[in-house]
Protein backbone atom coordinates (compact mmCIF):
# COMPACT_ATOMS: atom_id res chain seq x y z
CA UNK A 1 45.53 135.79 129.67
CA UNK A 2 45.41 139.02 127.95
CA UNK A 3 43.46 141.56 128.87
CA UNK A 4 42.18 142.71 125.37
CA UNK A 5 40.15 138.80 125.97
CA UNK A 6 39.27 139.18 129.25
CA UNK A 7 37.39 141.84 127.48
CA UNK A 8 36.00 141.15 124.33
CA UNK A 9 35.21 137.61 126.69
CA UNK A 10 33.27 140.41 129.22
CA UNK A 11 31.79 142.05 125.74
CA UNK A 12 29.97 138.34 124.92
CA UNK A 13 27.94 137.92 127.75
CA UNK A 14 27.40 142.54 128.47
CA UNK A 15 23.72 141.53 126.60
CA UNK A 16 22.24 139.61 127.92
CA UNK A 17 22.49 139.84 131.93
CA UNK A 18 20.17 139.55 134.19
CA UNK A 19 18.74 142.07 136.37
CA UNK A 20 20.27 140.56 139.19
CA UNK A 21 23.60 140.43 137.55
CA UNK A 22 23.74 144.34 137.17
CA UNK A 23 22.31 144.49 141.20
CA UNK A 24 25.30 142.51 142.17
CA UNK A 25 27.46 144.99 139.91
CA UNK A 26 26.20 148.20 141.38
CA UNK A 27 25.94 146.64 145.09
CA UNK A 28 29.83 146.17 144.84
CA UNK A 29 30.33 149.07 142.87
CA UNK A 30 28.90 150.65 146.05
CA UNK A 31 30.48 148.99 148.45
CA UNK A 32 34.10 150.16 146.68
CA UNK A 33 32.98 153.48 146.31
CA UNK A 34 32.16 152.95 150.37
CA UNK A 35 35.14 151.34 150.95
CA UNK A 36 37.13 153.80 149.79
CA UNK A 37 36.20 156.88 150.62
CA UNK A 38 36.36 155.58 154.26
CA UNK A 39 41.04 154.45 153.71
CA UNK A 40 40.75 158.16 152.36
CA UNK A 41 39.68 159.62 155.42
CA UNK A 42 42.06 157.37 157.01
CA UNK A 43 44.99 158.42 155.51
CA UNK A 44 45.33 162.94 156.98
CA UNK A 45 45.19 164.08 153.48
CA UNK A 46 44.07 168.03 152.84
CA UNK A 47 42.84 169.47 150.51
CA UNK A 48 45.54 171.91 147.49
CA UNK A 49 44.23 175.17 148.54
CA UNK A 50 44.91 173.86 152.56
CA UNK A 51 48.08 172.98 150.97
CA UNK A 52 48.33 175.89 149.44
CA UNK A 53 48.78 178.48 152.49
CA UNK A 54 50.05 176.06 154.39
CA UNK A 55 52.80 176.53 152.09
CA UNK A 56 52.63 180.24 151.87
CA UNK A 57 52.47 180.80 154.75
CA UNK A 58 55.75 178.81 155.65
CA UNK A 59 57.37 180.97 153.09
CA UNK A 60 56.68 183.91 154.76
CA UNK A 61 58.31 183.00 157.94
CA UNK A 62 61.51 181.68 156.60
CA UNK A 63 61.74 185.60 154.82
CA UNK A 64 60.93 186.65 157.90
CA UNK A 65 63.39 184.65 160.51
CA UNK A 66 66.48 185.36 157.79
CA UNK A 67 65.83 189.29 158.30
CA UNK A 68 66.11 188.68 161.75
CA UNK A 69 68.95 186.66 161.86
CA UNK A 70 70.11 188.98 159.96
CA UNK A 71 69.21 191.74 162.21
CA UNK A 72 71.26 190.01 164.45
CA UNK A 73 73.75 188.80 162.71
CA UNK A 74 74.67 193.09 161.94
CA UNK A 75 73.85 194.14 165.59
CA UNK A 76 76.06 191.61 166.32
CA UNK A 77 79.14 192.84 164.65
CA UNK A 78 77.91 196.46 165.27
């Protein structure tokens, strides 16, 4: 059954919903929201700002390492 027909069917009953159905909808949305937050917390995510900081530090460390490698190579040749 196409999604459009399901939406149209739901719209027919939307204005006549009882307060109990609205409360159930709100309860289900709150439960979904809580479970989504718990699932996201289990993922080992970092904020974008922290990621950007760590990326910049890694670039600097790589550049410093490359400079040291070049210096050692130059000293070995001397």
